[in-house]
Amino acid sequence: MSDIDNISQVLNQMRVMAAQAQAIPATEAQPTEGADFSSILKNSVDSVNSTQKQAGQLTEAFQAGDPNTDLADVMVALQKASVSFEAMKQVRGKLVDAYKEIMRMQV
């Protein structure tokens, strides 16, 4: 699976989670095949992690002088890793806010 496929998968999962948070039916937001929230979140984190690892490996290969590693590829991989990490931070922030809101509710 390529980086673009991984990022697309993460973005699709985030869209589904956002749609669920806004109470939009999941059929309108690209449904996931019956996956539960914890597996979606774990897959998203794993995808971000693999994107960052690949960017690190490309960076190290470029620094070592690997002739097969292009600077443009390194920069694109670093940007992909940065964007995916920022998106994950945003999701984490929303989850923390939701948790705090739930904890403030009176039963």
PDB file of N, CA and C in Angstrom:
ATOM      1  N   MET A   1       0.844  -1.168   0.000  1.00  0.00           N
ATOM      2  CA  MET A   1       0.000   0.000   0.000  1.00  0.00           C
ATOM      3  C   MET A   1       0.891   1.234   0.000  1.00  0.00           C
ATOM      4  N   SER A   2       0.643   2.175  -0.877  1.00  0.00           N
ATOM      5  CA  SER A   2       1.488   3.356  -0.986  1.00  0.00           C
ATOM      6  C   SER A   2       1.120   4.379   0.081  1.00  0.00           C
ATOM      7  N   ASP A   3       1.955   5.391   0.226  1.00  0.00           N
ATOM      8  CA  ASP A   3       1.706   6.451   1.190  1.00  0.00           C
ATOM      9  C   ASP A   3       0.421   7.187   0.875  1.00  0.00           C
ATOM     10  N   ILE A   4       0.181   7.417  -0.402  1.00  0.00           N
ATOM     11  CA  ILE A   4      -1.028   8.143  -0.792  1.00  0.00           C
ATOM     12  C   ILE A   4      -2.255   7.334  -0.406  1.00  0.00           C
ATOM     13  N   ASP A   5      -2.215   6.022  -0.579  1.00  0.00           N
ATOM     14  CA  ASP A   5      -3.338   5.173  -0.178  1.00  0.00           C
ATOM     15  C   ASP A   5      -3.524   5.218   1.338  1.00  0.00           C
ATOM     16  N   ASN A   6      -2.418   5.193   2.076  1.00  0.00           N
ATOM     17  CA  ASN A   6      -2.505   5.251   3.533  1.00  0.00           C
ATOM     18  C   ASN A   6      -3.109   6.569   3.986  1.00  0.00           C
ATOM     19  N   ILE A   7      -2.657   7.657   3.397  1.00  0.00           N
ATOM     20  CA  ILE A   7      -3.171   8.969   3.770  1.00  0.00           C
ATOM     21  C   ILE A   7      -4.634   9.085   3.368  1.00  0.00           C
ATOM     22  N   SER A   8      -4.981   8.578   2.207  1.00  0.00           N
ATOM     23  CA  SER A   8      -6.383   8.607   1.773  1.00  0.00           C
ATOM     24  C   SER A   8      -7.254   7.814   2.733  1.00  0.00           C
ATOM     25  N   GLN A   9      -6.750   6.681   3.183  1.00  0.00           N
ATOM     26  CA  GLN A   9      -7.506   5.859   4.123  1.00  0.00           C
ATOM     27  C   GLN A   9      -7.698   6.607   5.443  1.00  0.00           C
ATOM     28  N   VAL A  10      -6.653   7.253   5.931  1.00  0.00           N
ATOM     29  CA  VAL A  10      -6.760   8.014   7.180  1.00  0.00           C
ATOM     30  C   VAL A  10      -7.757   9.147   7.014  1.00  0.00           C
ATOM     31  N   LEU A  11      -7.677   9.860   5.894  1.00  0.00           N
ATOM     32  CA  LEU A  11      -8.605  10.960   5.663  1.00  0.00           C
ATOM     33  C   LEU A  11     -10.040  10.461   5.565  1.00  0.00           C
ATOM     34  N   ASN A  12     -10.258   9.346   4.904  1.00  0.00           N
ATOM     35  CA  ASN A  12     -11.608   8.780   4.825  1.00  0.00           C
ATOM     36  C   ASN A  12     -12.127   8.404   6.202  1.00  0.00           C
ATOM     37  N   GLN A  13     -11.268   7.826   7.021  1.00  0.00           N
ATOM     38  CA  GLN A  13     -11.673   7.454   8.371  1.00  0.00           C
ATOM     39  C   GLN A  13     -11.991   8.691   9.201  1.00  0.00           C
ATOM     40  N   MET A  14     -11.201   9.739   9.028  1.00  0.00           N
ATOM     41  CA  MET A  14     -11.450  10.973   9.764  1.00  0.00           C
ATOM     42  C   MET A  14     -12.756  11.622   9.303  1.00  0.00           C
ATOM     43  N   ARG A  15     -13.057  11.543   8.001  1.00  0.00           N
ATOM     44  CA  ARG A  15     -14.318  12.083   7.502  1.00  0.00           C
ATOM     45  C   ARG A  15     -15.505  11.329   8.091  1.00  0.00           C
ATOM     46  N   VAL A  16     -15.378  10.023   8.196  1.00  0.00           N
ATOM     47  CA  VAL A  16     -16.455   9.225   8.779  1.00  0.00           C
ATOM     48  C   VAL A  16     -16.642   9.600  10.240  1.00  0.00           C
ATOM     49  N   MET A  17     -15.538   9.743  10.977  1.00  0.00           N
ATOM     50  CA  MET A  17     -15.643  10.123  12.384  1.00  0.00           C
ATOM     51  C   MET A  17     -16.253  11.512  12.526  1.00  0.00           C
ATOM     52  N   ALA A  18     -15.869  12.445  11.659  1.00  0.00           N
ATOM     53  CA  ALA A  18     -16.438  13.793  11.720  1.00  0.00           C
ATOM     54  C   ALA A  18     -17.921  13.762  11.397  1.00  0.00           C
ATOM     55  N   ALA A  19     -18.308  12.966  10.417  1.00  0.00           N
ATOM     56  CA  ALA A  19     -19.720  12.850  10.063  1.00  0.00           C
ATOM     57  C   ALA A  19     -20.516  12.242  11.204  1.00  0.00           C
ATOM     58  N   GLN A  20     -19.939  11.254  11.876  1.00  0.00           N
ATOM     59  CA  GLN A  20     -20.622  10.638  13.009  1.00  0.00           C
ATOM     60  C   GLN A  20     -20.767  11.634  14.151  1.00  0.00           C
ATOM     61  N   ALA A  21     -19.767  12.462  14.339  1.00  0.00           N
ATOM     62  CA  ALA A  21     -19.828  13.461  15.401  1.00  0.00           C
ATOM     63  C   ALA A  21     -20.894  14.512  15.112  1.00  0.00           C
ATOM     64  N   GLN A  22     -21.154  14.768  13.832  1.00  0.00           N
ATOM     65  CA  GLN A  22     -22.154  15.762  13.443  1.00  0.00           C
ATOM     66  C   GLN A  22     -23.521  15.125  13.225  1.00  0.00           C
ATOM     67  N   ALA A  23     -23.663  13.847  13.524  1.00  0.00           N
ATOM     68  CA  ALA A  23     -24.909  13.095  13.398  1.00  0.00           C
ATOM     69  C   ALA A  23     -25.389  12.990  11.956  1.00  0.00           C
ATOM     70  N   ILE A  24     -24.469  12.968  10.997  1.00  0.00           N
ATOM     71  CA  ILE A  24     -24.803  12.728   9.604  1.00  0.00           C
ATOM     72  C   ILE A  24     -24.793  11.219   9.412  1.00  0.00           C
ATOM     73  N   PRO A  25     -25.772  10.666   8.700  1.00  0.00           N
ATOM     74  CA  PRO A  25     -25.755   9.221   8.488  1.00  0.00           C
ATOM     75  C   PRO A  25     -24.447   8.775   7.845  1.00  0.00           C
ATOM     76  N   ALA A  26     -23.924   7.668   8.304  1.00  0.00           N
ATOM     77  CA  ALA A  26     -22.623   7.181   7.838  1.00  0.00           C
ATOM     78  C   ALA A  26     -22.633   6.837   6.356  1.00  0.00           C
ATOM     79  N   THR A  27     -23.802   6.570   5.776  1.00  0.00           N
ATOM     80  CA  THR A  27     -23.851   6.226   4.356  1.00  0.00           C
ATOM     81  C   THR A  27     -23.451   7.410   3.488  1.00  0.00           C
ATOM     82  N   GLU A  28     -23.631   8.616   3.999  1.00  0.00           N
ATOM     83  CA  GLU A  28     -23.242   9.803   3.246  1.00  0.00           C
ATOM     84  C   GLU A  28     -21.760  10.104   3.384  1.00  0.00           C
ATOM     85  N   ALA A  29     -21.090   9.470   4.342  1.00  0.00           N
ATOM     86  CA  ALA A  29     -19.703   9.810   4.646  1.00  0.00           C
ATOM     87  C   ALA A  29     -18.761   8.635   4.434  1.00  0.00           C
ATOM     88  N   GLN A  30     -18.912   7.915   3.354  1.00  0.00           N
ATOM     89  CA  GLN A  30     -18.039   6.808   3.006  1.00  0.00           C
ATOM     90  C   GLN A  30     -17.926   5.811   4.155  1.00  0.00           C
ATOM     91  N   PRO A  31     -18.835   4.879   4.241  1.00  0.00           N
ATOM     92  CA  PRO A  31     -18.881   3.980   5.394  1.00  0.00           C
ATOM     93  C   PRO A  31     -17.644   3.089   5.508  1.00  0.00           C
ATOM     94  N   THR A  32     -17.333   2.736   6.742  1.00  0.00           N
ATOM     95  CA  THR A  32     -16.272   1.765   6.980  1.00  0.00           C
ATOM     96  C   THR A  32     -16.938   0.418   7.173  1.00  0.00           C
ATOM     97  N   GLU A  33     -16.324  -0.621   6.766  1.00  0.00           N
ATOM     98  CA  GLU A  33     -16.907  -1.952   6.745  1.00  0.00           C
ATOM     99  C   GLU A  33     -17.129  -2.500   8.150  1.00  0.00           C
ATOM    100  N   GLY A  34     -17.971  -1.861   8.942  1.00  0.00           N
ATOM    101  CA  GLY A  34     -18.312  -2.362  10.260  1.00  0.00           C
ATOM    102  C   GLY A  34     -17.188  -2.279  11.280  1.00  0.00           C
ATOM    103  N   ALA A  35     -16.200  -1.449  11.038  1.00  0.00           N
ATOM    104  CA  ALA A  35     -15.084  -1.328  11.968  1.00  0.00           C
ATOM    105  C   ALA A  35     -15.520  -0.529  13.187  1.00  0.00           C
ATOM    106  N   ASP A  36     -15.017  -0.901  14.352  1.00  0.00           N
ATOM    107  CA  ASP A  36     -15.345  -0.146  15.540  1.00  0.00           C
ATOM    108  C   ASP A  36     -14.372   1.014  15.716  1.00  0.00           C
ATOM    109  N   PHE A  37     -14.721   1.903  16.623  1.00  0.00           N
ATOM    110  CA  PHE A  37     -13.958   3.136  16.792  1.00  0.00           C
ATOM    111  C   PHE A  37     -12.508   2.874  17.170  1.00  0.00           C
ATOM    112  N   SER A  38     -12.285   1.944  18.079  1.00  0.00           N
ATOM    113  CA  SER A  38     -10.915   1.693  18.544  1.00  0.00           C
ATOM    114  C   SER A  38     -10.029   1.167  17.414  1.00  0.00           C
ATOM    115  N   SER A  39     -10.574   0.316  16.549  1.00  0.00           N
ATOM    116  CA  SER A  39      -9.755  -0.196  15.444  1.00  0.00           C
ATOM    117  C   SER A  39      -9.483   0.893  14.411  1.00  0.00           C
ATOM    118  N   ILE A  40     -10.458   1.761  14.172  1.00  0.00           N
ATOM    119  CA  ILE A  40     -10.244   2.879  13.247  1.00  0.00           C
ATOM    120  C   ILE A  40      -9.160   3.793  13.783  1.00  0.00           C
ATOM    121  N   LEU A  41      -9.240   4.110  15.064  1.00  0.00           N
ATOM    122  CA  LEU A  41      -8.245   4.992  15.673  1.00  0.00           C
ATOM    123  C   LEU A  41      -6.865   4.354  15.657  1.00  0.00           C
ATOM    124  N   LYS A  42      -6.785   3.066  15.971  1.00  0.00           N
ATOM    125  CA  LYS A  42      -5.498   2.374  15.962  1.00  0.00           C
ATOM    126  C   LYS A  42      -4.910   2.344  14.557  1.00  0.00           C
ATOM    127  N   ASN A  43      -5.734   2.047  13.564  1.00  0.00           N
ATOM    128  CA  ASN A  43      -5.261   2.038  12.179  1.00  0.00           C
ATOM    129  C   ASN A  43      -4.779   3.415  11.744  1.00  0.00           C
ATOM    130  N   SER A  44      -5.480   4.449  12.179  1.00  0.00           N
ATOM    131  CA  SER A  44      -5.069   5.812  11.836  1.00  0.00           C
ATOM    132  C   SER A  44      -3.715   6.152  12.452  1.00  0.00           C
ATOM    133  N   VAL A  45      -3.549   5.816  13.708  1.00  0.00           N
ATOM    134  CA  VAL A  45      -2.274   6.089  14.390  1.00  0.00           C
ATOM    135  C   VAL A  45      -1.151   5.279  13.749  1.00  0.00           C
ATOM    136  N   ASP A  46      -1.430   4.024  13.427  1.00  0.00           N
ATOM    137  CA  ASP A  46      -0.419   3.188  12.780  1.00  0.00           C
ATOM    138  C   ASP A  46      -0.038   3.741  11.408  1.00  0.00           C
ATOM    139  N   SER A  47      -1.021   4.250  10.690  1.00  0.00           N
ATOM    140  CA  SER A  47      -0.753   4.828   9.376  1.00  0.00           C
ATOM    141  C   SER A  47       0.122   6.079   9.483  1.00  0.00           C
ATOM    142  N   VAL A  48      -0.192   6.933  10.447  1.00  0.00           N
ATOM    143  CA  VAL A  48       0.631   8.128  10.664  1.00  0.00           C
ATOM    144  C   VAL A  48       2.042   7.716  11.059  1.00  0.00           C
ATOM    145  N   ASN A  49       2.152   6.724  11.920  1.00  0.00           N
ATOM    146  CA  ASN A  49       3.465   6.238  12.359  1.00  0.00           C
ATOM    147  C   ASN A  49       4.279   5.706  11.180  1.00  0.00           C
ATOM    148  N   SER A  50       3.656   4.914  10.320  1.00  0.00           N
ATOM    149  CA  SER A  50       4.393   4.364   9.185  1.00  0.00           C
ATOM    150  C   SER A  50       4.800   5.462   8.199  1.00  0.00           C
ATOM    151  N   THR A  51       3.949   6.469   8.046  1.00  0.00           N
ATOM    152  CA  THR A  51       4.290   7.599   7.174  1.00  0.00           C
ATOM    153  C   THR A  51       5.504   8.343   7.717  1.00  0.00           C
ATOM    154  N   GLN A  52       5.537   8.542   9.022  1.00  0.00           N
ATOM    155  CA  GLN A  52       6.673   9.229   9.630  1.00  0.00           C
ATOM    156  C   GLN A  52       7.944   8.380   9.565  1.00  0.00           C
ATOM    157  N   LYS A  53       7.813   7.083   9.757  1.00  0.00           N
ATOM    158  CA  LYS A  53       8.987   6.214   9.656  1.00  0.00           C
ATOM    159  C   LYS A  53       9.562   6.229   8.249  1.00  0.00           C
ATOM    160  N   GLN A  54       8.689   6.174   7.261  1.00  0.00           N
ATOM    161  CA  GLN A  54       9.166   6.189   5.878  1.00  0.00           C
ATOM    162  C   GLN A  54       9.861   7.512   5.560  1.00  0.00           C
ATOM    163  N   ALA A  55       9.305   8.625   6.040  1.00  0.00           N
ATOM    164  CA  ALA A  55       9.943   9.918   5.821  1.00  0.00           C
ATOM    165  C   ALA A  55      11.315   9.954   6.493  1.00  0.00           C
ATOM    166  N   GLY A  56      11.423   9.382   7.678  1.00  0.00           N
ATOM    167  CA  GLY A  56      12.706   9.326   8.374  1.00  0.00           C
ATOM    168  C   GLY A  56      13.721   8.476   7.628  1.00  0.00           C
ATOM    169  N   GLN A  57      13.262   7.355   7.084  1.00  0.00           N
ATOM    170  CA  GLN A  57      14.164   6.486   6.325  1.00  0.00           C
ATOM    171  C   GLN A  57      14.651   7.175   5.050  1.00  0.00           C
ATOM    172  N   LEU A  58      13.750   7.871   4.377  1.00  0.00           N
ATOM    173  CA  LEU A  58      14.160   8.599   3.168  1.00  0.00           C
ATOM    174  C   LEU A  58      15.150   9.709   3.507  1.00  0.00           C
ATOM    175  N   THR A  59      14.903  10.388   4.612  1.00  0.00           N
ATOM    176  CA  THR A  59      15.808  11.454   5.038  1.00  0.00           C
ATOM    177  C   THR A  59      17.197  10.900   5.336  1.00  0.00           C
ATOM    178  N   GLU A  60      17.248   9.792   6.060  1.00  0.00           N
ATOM    179  CA  GLU A  60      18.530   9.173   6.383  1.00  0.00           C
ATOM    180  C   GLU A  60      19.251   8.693   5.122  1.00  0.00           C
ATOM    181  N   ALA A  61      18.492   8.131   4.192  1.00  0.00           N
ATOM    182  CA  ALA A  61      19.099   7.668   2.942  1.00  0.00           C
ATOM    183  C   ALA A  61      19.665   8.837   2.150  1.00  0.00           C
ATOM    184  N   PHE A  62      18.945   9.950   2.127  1.00  0.00           N
ATOM    185  CA  PHE A  62      19.435  11.126   1.405  1.00  0.00           C
ATOM    186  C   PHE A  62      20.688  11.683   2.073  1.00  0.00           C
ATOM    187  N   GLN A  63      20.675  11.742   3.397  1.00  0.00           N
ATOM    188  CA  GLN A  63      21.828  12.255   4.128  1.00  0.00           C
ATOM    189  C   GLN A  63      23.046  11.354   3.960  1.00  0.00           C
ATOM    190  N   ALA A  64      22.805  10.056   3.787  1.00  0.00           N
ATOM    191  CA  ALA A  64      23.912   9.119   3.593  1.00  0.00           C
ATOM    192  C   ALA A  64      24.452   9.155   2.171  1.00  0.00           C
ATOM    193  N   GLY A  65      23.779   9.878   1.291  1.00  0.00           N
ATOM    194  CA  GLY A  65      24.262  10.024  -0.076  1.00  0.00           C
ATOM    195  C   GLY A  65      23.769   8.947  -1.024  1.00  0.00           C
ATOM    196  N   ASP A  66      22.660   8.317  -0.716  1.00  0.00           N
ATOM    197  CA  ASP A  66      22.085   7.292  -1.587  1.00  0.00           C
ATOM    198  C   ASP A  66      21.710   7.921  -2.933  1.00  0.00           C
ATOM    199  N   PRO A  67      22.287   7.435  -4.032  1.00  0.00           N
ATOM    200  CA  PRO A  67      21.993   8.044  -5.342  1.00  0.00           C
ATOM    201  C   PRO A  67      20.566   7.786  -5.826  1.00  0.00           C
ATOM    202  N   ASN A  68      19.878   6.823  -5.248  1.00  0.00           N
ATOM    203  CA  ASN A  68      18.503   6.523  -5.650  1.00  0.00           C
ATOM    204  C   ASN A  68      17.468   7.373  -4.923  1.00  0.00           C
ATOM    205  N   THR A  69      17.907   8.195  -3.971  1.00  0.00           N
ATOM    206  CA  THR A  69      17.001   9.025  -3.193  1.00  0.00           C
ATOM    207  C   THR A  69      17.067  10.454  -3.701  1.00  0.00           C
ATOM    208  N   ASP A  70      15.923  10.958  -4.109  1.00  0.00           N
ATOM    209  CA  ASP A  70      15.814  12.300  -4.669  1.00  0.00           C
ATOM    210  C   ASP A  70      15.359  13.271  -3.575  1.00  0.00           C
ATOM    211  N   LEU A  71      15.875  14.487  -3.609  1.00  0.00           N
ATOM    212  CA  LEU A  71      15.504  15.496  -2.621  1.00  0.00           C
ATOM    213  C   LEU A  71      14.013  15.786  -2.677  1.00  0.00           C
ATOM    214  N   ALA A  72      13.444  15.813  -3.866  1.00  0.00           N
ATOM    215  CA  ALA A  72      12.006  16.076  -3.997  1.00  0.00           C
ATOM    216  C   ALA A  72      11.187  14.988  -3.302  1.00  0.00           C
ATOM    217  N   ASP A  73      11.598  13.733  -3.448  1.00  0.00           N
ATOM    218  CA  ASP A  73      10.898  12.636  -2.773  1.00  0.00           C
ATOM    219  C   ASP A  73      10.986  12.775  -1.257  1.00  0.00           C
ATOM    220  N   VAL A  74      12.144  13.188  -0.782  1.00  0.00           N
ATOM    221  CA  VAL A  74      12.333  13.378   0.658  1.00  0.00           C
ATOM    222  C   VAL A  74      11.425  14.487   1.161  1.00  0.00           C
ATOM    223  N   MET A  75      11.373  15.595   0.443  1.00  0.00           N
ATOM    224  CA  MET A  75      10.552  16.730   0.864  1.00  0.00           C
ATOM    225  C   MET A  75       9.070  16.377   0.833  1.00  0.00           C
ATOM    226  N   VAL A  76       8.639  15.653  -0.184  1.00  0.00           N
ATOM    227  CA  VAL A  76       7.233  15.246  -0.267  1.00  0.00           C
ATOM    228  C   VAL A  76       6.892  14.304   0.885  1.00  0.00           C
ATOM    229  N   ALA A  77       7.763  13.361   1.173  1.00  0.00           N
ATOM    230  CA  ALA A  77       7.522  12.419   2.270  1.00  0.00           C
ATOM    231  C   ALA A  77       7.460  13.151   3.611  1.00  0.00           C
ATOM    232  N   LEU A  78       8.332  14.131   3.795  1.00  0.00           N
ATOM    233  CA  LEU A  78       8.315  14.909   5.037  1.00  0.00           C
ATOM    234  C   LEU A  78       7.027  15.714   5.171  1.00  0.00           C
ATOM    235  N   GLN A  79       6.556  16.280   4.072  1.00  0.00           N
ATOM    236  CA  GLN A  79       5.309  17.040   4.113  1.00  0.00           C
ATOM    237  C   GLN A  79       4.111  16.126   4.383  1.00  0.00           C
ATOM    238  N   LYS A  80       4.110  14.945   3.779  1.00  0.00           N
ATOM    239  CA  LYS A  80       3.035  13.980   4.043  1.00  0.00           C
ATOM    240  C   LYS A  80       3.010  13.610   5.518  1.00  0.00           C
ATOM    241  N   ALA A  81       4.184  13.367   6.064  1.00  0.00           N
ATOM    242  CA  ALA A  81       4.278  13.008   7.475  1.00  0.00           C
ATOM    243  C   ALA A  81       3.798  14.155   8.356  1.00  0.00           C
ATOM    244  N   SER A  82       4.168  15.364   7.993  1.00  0.00           N
ATOM    245  CA  SER A  82       3.765  16.527   8.765  1.00  0.00           C
ATOM    246  C   SER A  82       2.248  16.735   8.724  1.00  0.00           C
ATOM    247  N   VAL A  83       1.671  16.635   7.540  1.00  0.00           N
ATOM    248  CA  VAL A  83       0.227  16.831   7.392  1.00  0.00           C
ATOM    249  C   VAL A  83      -0.549  15.747   8.132  1.00  0.00           C
ATOM    250  N   SER A  84      -0.114  14.509   8.013  1.00  0.00           N
ATOM    251  CA  SER A  84      -0.825  13.426   8.690  1.00  0.00           C
ATOM    252  C   SER A  84      -0.713  13.560  10.207  1.00  0.00           C
ATOM    253  N   PHE A  85       0.453  14.007  10.689  1.00  0.00           N
ATOM    254  CA  PHE A  85       0.622  14.189  12.128  1.00  0.00           C
ATOM    255  C   PHE A  85      -0.247  15.335  12.636  1.00  0.00           C
ATOM    256  N   GLU A  86      -0.297  16.434  11.897  1.00  0.00           N
ATOM    257  CA  GLU A  86      -1.139  17.568  12.289  1.00  0.00           C
ATOM    258  C   GLU A  86      -2.612  17.169  12.305  1.00  0.00           C
ATOM    259  N   ALA A  87      -3.035  16.392  11.325  1.00  0.00           N
ATOM    260  CA  ALA A  87      -4.421  15.922  11.298  1.00  0.00           C
ATOM    261  C   ALA A  87      -4.710  15.046  12.510  1.00  0.00           C
ATOM    262  N   MET A  88      -3.769  14.183  12.855  1.00  0.00           N
ATOM    263  CA  MET A  88      -3.957  13.321  14.015  1.00  0.00           C
ATOM    264  C   MET A  88      -4.016  14.150  15.297  1.00  0.00           C
ATOM    265  N   LYS A  89      -3.213  15.202  15.387  1.00  0.00           N
ATOM    266  CA  LYS A  89      -3.269  16.074  16.560  1.00  0.00           C
ATOM    267  C   LYS A  89      -4.627  16.761  16.668  1.00  0.00           C
ATOM    268  N   GLN A  90      -5.179  17.153  15.530  1.00  0.00           N
ATOM    269  CA  GLN A  90      -6.500  17.786  15.533  1.00  0.00           C
ATOM    270  C   GLN A  90      -7.565  16.809  16.019  1.00  0.00           C
ATOM    271  N   VAL A  91      -7.505  15.590  15.546  1.00  0.00           N
ATOM    272  CA  VAL A  91      -8.459  14.568  15.976  1.00  0.00           C
ATOM    273  C   VAL A  91      -8.309  14.313  17.471  1.00  0.00           C
ATOM    274  N   ARG A  92      -7.077  14.207  17.919  1.00  0.00           N
ATOM    275  CA  ARG A  92      -6.829  13.992  19.354  1.00  0.00           C
ATOM    276  C   ARG A  92      -7.412  15.127  20.179  1.00  0.00           C
ATOM    277  N   GLY A  93      -7.219  16.356  19.714  1.00  0.00           N
ATOM    278  CA  GLY A  93      -7.764  17.513  20.422  1.00  0.00           C
ATOM    279  C   GLY A  93      -9.277  17.463  20.518  1.00  0.00           C
ATOM    280  N   LYS A  94      -9.915  17.082  19.421  1.00  0.00           N
ATOM    281  CA  LYS A  94     -11.382  16.969  19.426  1.00  0.00           C
ATOM    282  C   LYS A  94     -11.842  15.849  20.363  1.00  0.00           C
ATOM    283  N   LEU A  95     -11.106  14.748  20.400  1.00  0.00           N
ATOM    284  CA  LEU A  95     -11.465  13.659  21.302  1.00  0.00           C
ATOM    285  C   LEU A  95     -11.315  14.070  22.764  1.00  0.00           C
ATOM    286  N   VAL A  96     -10.271  14.815  23.077  1.00  0.00           N
ATOM    287  CA  VAL A  96     -10.071  15.293  24.439  1.00  0.00           C
ATOM    288  C   VAL A  96     -11.180  16.265  24.819  1.00  0.00           C
ATOM    289  N   ASP A  97     -11.543  17.164  23.896  1.00  0.00           N
ATOM    290  CA  ASP A  97     -12.638  18.091  24.164  1.00  0.00           C
ATOM    291  C   ASP A  97     -13.949  17.348  24.403  1.00  0.00           C
ATOM    292  N   ALA A  98     -14.208  16.331  23.605  1.00  0.00           N
ATOM    293  CA  ALA A  98     -15.431  15.541  23.771  1.00  0.00           C
ATOM    294  C   ALA A  98     -15.424  14.819  25.117  1.00  0.00           C
ATOM    295  N   TYR A  99     -14.283  14.272  25.491  1.00  0.00           N
ATOM    296  CA  TYR A  99     -14.167  13.594  26.784  1.00  0.00           C
ATOM    297  C   TYR A  99     -14.433  14.565  27.923  1.00  0.00           C
ATOM    298  N   LYS A 100     -13.839  15.753  27.849  1.00  0.00           N
ATOM    299  CA  LYS A 100     -14.058  16.754  28.902  1.00  0.00           C
ATOM    300  C   LYS A 100     -15.521  17.135  28.978  1.00  0.00           C
ATOM    301  N   GLU A 101     -16.163  17.294  27.837  1.00  0.00           N
ATOM    302  CA  GLU A 101     -17.579  17.646  27.807  1.00  0.00           C
ATOM    303  C   GLU A 101     -18.422  16.539  28.438  1.00  0.00           C
ATOM    304  N   ILE A 102     -18.104  15.308  28.144  1.00  0.00           N
ATOM    305  CA  ILE A 102     -18.841  14.183  28.736  1.00  0.00           C
ATOM    306  C   ILE A 102     -18.634  14.150  30.251  1.00  0.00           C
ATOM    307  N   MET A 103     -17.412  14.422  30.687  1.00  0.00           N
ATOM    308  CA  MET A 103     -17.127  14.394  32.121  1.00  0.00           C
ATOM    309  C   MET A 103     -17.856  15.529  32.858  1.00  0.00           C
ATOM    310  N   ARG A 104     -18.153  16.630  32.178  1.00  0.00           N
ATOM    311  CA  ARG A 104     -18.878  17.749  32.803  1.00  0.00           C
ATOM    312  C   ARG A 104     -20.384  17.492  32.895  1.00  0.00           C
ATOM    313  N   MET A 105     -20.874  16.519  32.136  1.00  0.00           N
ATOM    314  CA  MET A 105     -22.316  16.236  32.156  1.00  0.00           C
ATOM    315  C   MET A 105     -22.719  15.655  33.505  1.00  0.00           C
ATOM    316  N   GLN A 106     -23.896  16.074  33.954  1.00  0.00           N
ATOM    317  CA  GLN A 106     -24.428  15.527  35.190  1.00  0.00           C
ATOM    318  C   GLN A 106     -25.353  14.362  34.854  1.00  0.00           C
ATOM    319  N   VAL A 107     -25.242  13.331  35.655  1.00  0.00           N
ATOM    320  CA  VAL A 107     -26.044  12.129  35.406  1.00  0.00           C
ATOM    321  C   VAL A 107     -27.291  12.143  36.244  1.00  0.00           C
TER     322      VAL A 107
END
